[in-house]
């Protein structure tokens, strides 16, 4: 599974609608509205690297209200949540 993190700048008045439209796209697992230089952080989870381009370049960038994106591909995941889930499998 390939994970990509995309930073999205959007038209300020349209951030909620842009976030909802992006969240509805196939390949998008989560969308966060954030403070700072960017407006939204989008987590993309797909099977192949080529699919990242399909999601970000062909879908996210075409959502009305999206001004720009900057996308980063994750190499490894370091998450306490993931580790806890892995070690608690089968334990009640």
N, C-alpha and C. Protein backbone atom coordinates (compact mmCIF):
# COMPACT_ATOMS: atom_id res chain seq x y z
N UNK A 1 0.85 -1.18 0.00
CA UNK A 1 0.00 0.00 0.00
C UNK A 1 0.89 1.24 0.00
N UNK A 2 0.62 2.16 -0.90
CA UNK A 2 1.35 3.41 -1.00
C UNK A 2 0.55 4.49 -0.27
N UNK A 3 1.25 5.25 0.58
CA UNK A 3 0.61 6.37 1.26
C UNK A 3 1.26 7.65 0.78
N UNK A 4 0.44 8.61 0.42
CA UNK A 4 0.92 9.93 0.03
C UNK A 4 0.20 10.97 0.87
N UNK A 5 0.91 12.03 1.19
CA UNK A 5 0.34 13.14 1.95
C UNK A 5 0.36 14.34 1.02
N UNK A 6 -0.80 14.91 0.80
CA UNK A 6 -0.91 16.04 -0.10
C UNK A 6 -1.37 17.27 0.67
N UNK A 7 -0.60 18.36 0.53
CA UNK A 7 -0.96 19.64 1.13
C UNK A 7 -1.76 20.42 0.09
N UNK A 8 -2.93 20.89 0.47
CA UNK A 8 -3.82 21.56 -0.49
C UNK A 8 -4.07 22.99 -0.04
N UNK A 9 -3.88 23.92 -0.97
CA UNK A 9 -4.33 25.30 -0.77
C UNK A 9 -5.64 25.43 -1.52
N UNK A 10 -6.62 26.02 -0.84
CA UNK A 10 -7.96 26.14 -1.43
C UNK A 10 -8.47 27.56 -1.27
N UNK A 11 -9.48 27.88 -2.05
CA UNK A 11 -10.15 29.16 -1.89
C UNK A 11 -10.74 29.20 -0.49
N UNK A 12 -10.42 30.22 0.28
CA UNK A 12 -10.78 30.28 1.70
C UNK A 12 -12.28 30.10 1.92
N UNK A 13 -13.09 30.73 1.13
CA UNK A 13 -14.54 30.66 1.32
C UNK A 13 -15.11 29.29 0.99
N UNK A 14 -14.32 28.45 0.32
CA UNK A 14 -14.82 27.15 -0.13
C UNK A 14 -14.16 25.97 0.57
N UNK A 15 -13.37 26.19 1.60
CA UNK A 15 -12.62 25.10 2.24
C UNK A 15 -13.52 23.94 2.67
N UNK A 16 -14.65 24.17 3.35
CA UNK A 16 -15.47 23.02 3.75
C UNK A 16 -15.98 22.19 2.57
N UNK A 17 -16.43 22.86 1.52
CA UNK A 17 -16.94 22.12 0.35
C UNK A 17 -15.81 21.40 -0.38
N UNK A 18 -14.65 22.05 -0.47
CA UNK A 18 -13.49 21.42 -1.12
C UNK A 18 -13.08 20.17 -0.33
N UNK A 19 -13.03 20.29 0.99
CA UNK A 19 -12.66 19.15 1.84
C UNK A 19 -13.63 17.99 1.66
N UNK A 20 -14.91 18.27 1.64
CA UNK A 20 -15.91 17.21 1.46
C UNK A 20 -15.80 16.56 0.09
N UNK A 21 -15.57 17.36 -0.94
CA UNK A 21 -15.43 16.81 -2.29
C UNK A 21 -14.20 15.92 -2.40
N UNK A 22 -13.09 16.36 -1.80
CA UNK A 22 -11.87 15.56 -1.84
C UNK A 22 -12.05 14.27 -1.03
N UNK A 23 -12.67 14.36 0.13
CA UNK A 23 -12.88 13.19 0.98
C UNK A 23 -13.71 12.12 0.28
N UNK A 24 -14.55 12.52 -0.66
CA UNK A 24 -15.41 11.57 -1.38
C UNK A 24 -14.69 10.86 -2.53
N UNK A 25 -13.46 11.27 -2.85
CA UNK A 25 -12.74 10.68 -3.97
C UNK A 25 -12.17 9.30 -3.61
N UNK A 26 -12.24 8.38 -4.56
CA UNK A 26 -11.61 7.07 -4.39
C UNK A 26 -10.11 7.26 -4.20
N UNK A 27 -9.55 6.56 -3.24
CA UNK A 27 -8.12 6.66 -2.97
C UNK A 27 -7.79 7.63 -1.85
N UNK A 28 -8.73 8.48 -1.48
CA UNK A 28 -8.51 9.42 -0.38
C UNK A 28 -9.06 8.78 0.90
N UNK A 29 -8.19 8.65 1.92
CA UNK A 29 -8.65 8.03 3.15
C UNK A 29 -9.05 9.05 4.21
N UNK A 30 -8.38 10.21 4.22
CA UNK A 30 -8.67 11.21 5.24
C UNK A 30 -8.37 12.60 4.69
N UNK A 31 -9.11 13.58 5.20
CA UNK A 31 -8.86 14.99 4.88
C UNK A 31 -8.94 15.77 6.18
N UNK A 32 -7.93 16.59 6.43
CA UNK A 32 -7.88 17.41 7.64
C UNK A 32 -7.83 18.88 7.26
N UNK A 33 -8.66 19.69 7.87
CA UNK A 33 -8.57 21.13 7.77
C UNK A 33 -7.56 21.58 8.81
N UNK A 34 -6.57 22.38 8.41
CA UNK A 34 -5.47 22.74 9.32
C UNK A 34 -5.19 24.24 9.29
N UNK A 35 -4.41 24.68 10.27
CA UNK A 35 -3.96 26.06 10.30
C UNK A 35 -2.62 26.17 9.62
N UNK A 36 -2.23 27.38 9.26
CA UNK A 36 -0.91 27.60 8.67
C UNK A 36 -0.99 27.96 7.20
N UNK A 37 0.10 27.70 6.51
CA UNK A 37 0.24 28.09 5.11
C UNK A 37 -0.66 27.29 4.16
N UNK A 38 -1.05 26.10 4.59
CA UNK A 38 -1.93 25.28 3.75
C UNK A 38 -3.30 25.20 4.41
N UNK A 39 -4.28 24.75 3.66
CA UNK A 39 -5.65 24.70 4.17
C UNK A 39 -6.10 23.28 4.53
N UNK A 40 -5.64 22.30 3.74
CA UNK A 40 -6.07 20.92 3.94
C UNK A 40 -4.87 19.97 3.83
N UNK A 41 -4.90 18.92 4.63
CA UNK A 41 -3.95 17.82 4.47
C UNK A 41 -4.77 16.61 4.05
N UNK A 42 -4.37 16.01 2.94
CA UNK A 42 -5.10 14.88 2.36
C UNK A 42 -4.21 13.64 2.42
N UNK A 43 -4.73 12.57 3.01
CA UNK A 43 -4.02 11.30 3.01
C UNK A 43 -4.57 10.42 1.89
N UNK A 44 -3.67 10.01 1.03
CA UNK A 44 -4.03 9.17 -0.12
C UNK A 44 -3.42 7.80 0.12
N UNK A 45 -4.24 6.77 0.00
CA UNK A 45 -3.75 5.39 0.16
C UNK A 45 -4.19 4.59 -1.07
N UNK A 46 -3.19 4.14 -1.83
CA UNK A 46 -3.46 3.42 -3.08
C UNK A 46 -2.52 2.24 -3.21
N UNK A 47 -2.77 1.39 -4.21
CA UNK A 47 -1.98 0.16 -4.38
C UNK A 47 -0.65 0.38 -5.10
N UNK A 48 -0.59 1.37 -6.01
CA UNK A 48 0.62 1.56 -6.81
C UNK A 48 0.96 3.04 -6.92
N UNK A 49 2.24 3.32 -7.18
CA UNK A 49 2.68 4.70 -7.32
C UNK A 49 1.91 5.45 -8.41
N UNK A 50 1.62 4.75 -9.50
CA UNK A 50 0.89 5.40 -10.60
C UNK A 50 -0.48 5.89 -10.15
N UNK A 51 -1.05 5.19 -9.18
CA UNK A 51 -2.38 5.56 -8.68
C UNK A 51 -2.36 6.88 -7.92
N UNK A 52 -1.20 7.25 -7.36
CA UNK A 52 -1.10 8.54 -6.68
C UNK A 52 -1.35 9.66 -7.69
N UNK A 53 -0.76 9.55 -8.86
CA UNK A 53 -0.98 10.55 -9.90
C UNK A 53 -2.44 10.61 -10.31
N UNK A 54 -3.07 9.44 -10.42
CA UNK A 54 -4.50 9.42 -10.78
C UNK A 54 -5.33 10.17 -9.75
N UNK A 55 -5.03 9.94 -8.47
CA UNK A 55 -5.84 10.57 -7.42
C UNK A 55 -5.53 12.06 -7.33
N UNK A 56 -4.24 12.41 -7.20
CA UNK A 56 -3.89 13.81 -6.96
C UNK A 56 -4.00 14.66 -8.22
N UNK A 57 -3.29 14.27 -9.26
CA UNK A 57 -3.26 15.11 -10.47
C UNK A 57 -4.57 15.08 -11.24
N UNK A 58 -5.20 13.91 -11.31
CA UNK A 58 -6.40 13.79 -12.14
C UNK A 58 -7.70 14.06 -11.40
N UNK A 59 -7.68 13.98 -10.05
CA UNK A 59 -8.93 14.18 -9.31
C UNK A 59 -8.86 15.34 -8.32
N UNK A 60 -7.93 15.29 -7.38
CA UNK A 60 -7.86 16.34 -6.36
C UNK A 60 -7.65 17.71 -7.00
N UNK A 61 -6.69 17.81 -7.91
CA UNK A 61 -6.39 19.10 -8.55
C UNK A 61 -7.56 19.65 -9.36
N UNK A 62 -8.49 18.81 -9.72
CA UNK A 62 -9.63 19.26 -10.54
C UNK A 62 -10.87 19.58 -9.72
N UNK A 63 -10.79 19.44 -8.39
CA UNK A 63 -11.92 19.81 -7.54
C UNK A 63 -12.04 21.33 -7.57
N UNK A 64 -13.22 21.86 -7.87
CA UNK A 64 -13.40 23.32 -7.88
C UNK A 64 -13.04 23.91 -6.52
N UNK A 65 -12.20 24.93 -6.54
CA UNK A 65 -11.76 25.57 -5.31
C UNK A 65 -10.35 25.21 -4.89
N UNK A 66 -9.77 24.16 -5.49
CA UNK A 66 -8.38 23.80 -5.20
C UNK A 66 -7.47 24.75 -5.99
N UNK A 67 -6.56 25.42 -5.26
CA UNK A 67 -5.64 26.35 -5.91
C UNK A 67 -4.31 25.70 -6.23
N UNK A 68 -3.81 24.84 -5.33
CA UNK A 68 -2.54 24.16 -5.57
C UNK A 68 -2.40 22.97 -4.62
N UNK A 69 -1.49 22.06 -4.99
CA UNK A 69 -1.19 20.91 -4.14
C UNK A 69 0.32 20.70 -4.09
N UNK A 70 0.75 20.10 -3.00
CA UNK A 70 2.14 19.66 -2.85
C UNK A 70 2.06 18.28 -2.23
N UNK A 71 2.59 17.29 -2.93
CA UNK A 71 2.40 15.90 -2.50
C UNK A 71 3.72 15.24 -2.14
N UNK A 72 3.68 14.47 -1.05
CA UNK A 72 4.85 13.75 -0.55
C UNK A 72 4.48 12.27 -0.43
N UNK A 73 5.39 11.40 -0.88
CA UNK A 73 5.20 9.96 -0.78
C UNK A 73 5.85 9.48 0.52
N UNK A 74 5.13 8.69 1.30
CA UNK A 74 5.66 8.16 2.55
C UNK A 74 6.49 6.91 2.27
N UNK A 75 7.66 6.82 2.89
CA UNK A 75 8.50 5.63 2.78
C UNK A 75 8.13 4.60 3.84
N UNK A 76 8.04 5.05 5.09
CA UNK A 76 7.73 4.18 6.21
C UNK A 76 6.74 4.89 7.12
N UNK A 77 6.01 4.09 7.88
CA UNK A 77 5.07 4.66 8.85
C UNK A 77 5.56 4.35 10.26
N UNK A 78 5.60 5.36 11.08
CA UNK A 78 5.96 5.22 12.48
C UNK A 78 4.80 5.79 13.28
N UNK A 79 3.95 4.93 13.78
CA UNK A 79 2.75 5.39 14.45
C UNK A 79 2.48 4.53 15.67
N UNK A 80 2.29 5.15 16.82
CA UNK A 80 1.96 4.42 18.04
C UNK A 80 0.63 3.70 17.86
N UNK A 81 -0.30 4.32 17.15
CA UNK A 81 -1.61 3.69 16.93
C UNK A 81 -1.46 2.39 16.15
N UNK A 82 -0.67 2.41 15.07
CA UNK A 82 -0.47 1.21 14.27
C UNK A 82 0.24 0.12 15.08
N UNK A 83 1.24 0.51 15.88
CA UNK A 83 1.98 -0.45 16.68
C UNK A 83 1.07 -1.10 17.72
N UNK A 84 0.24 -0.30 18.37
CA UNK A 84 -0.67 -0.84 19.38
C UNK A 84 -1.65 -1.82 18.74
N UNK A 85 -2.14 -1.50 17.55
CA UNK A 85 -3.09 -2.37 16.86
C UNK A 85 -2.42 -3.69 16.49
N UNK A 86 -1.18 -3.63 16.03
CA UNK A 86 -0.47 -4.84 15.61
C UNK A 86 -0.22 -5.77 16.78
N UNK A 87 0.13 -5.21 17.94
CA UNK A 87 0.45 -6.04 19.09
C UNK A 87 -0.77 -6.51 19.85
N UNK A 88 -1.93 -5.94 19.54
CA UNK A 88 -3.14 -6.34 20.27
C UNK A 88 -4.01 -7.31 19.48
N UNK A 89 -3.55 -7.77 18.34
CA UNK A 89 -4.33 -8.71 17.54
C UNK A 89 -4.60 -9.98 18.32
N UNK A 90 -5.87 -10.32 18.41
CA UNK A 90 -6.25 -11.55 19.08
C UNK A 90 -6.27 -11.49 20.59
N UNK A 91 -5.95 -10.33 21.13
CA UNK A 91 -5.96 -10.20 22.58
C UNK A 91 -7.16 -9.38 22.99
N UNK A 92 -7.90 -9.84 23.97
CA UNK A 92 -9.12 -9.13 24.42
C UNK A 92 -8.86 -8.46 25.73
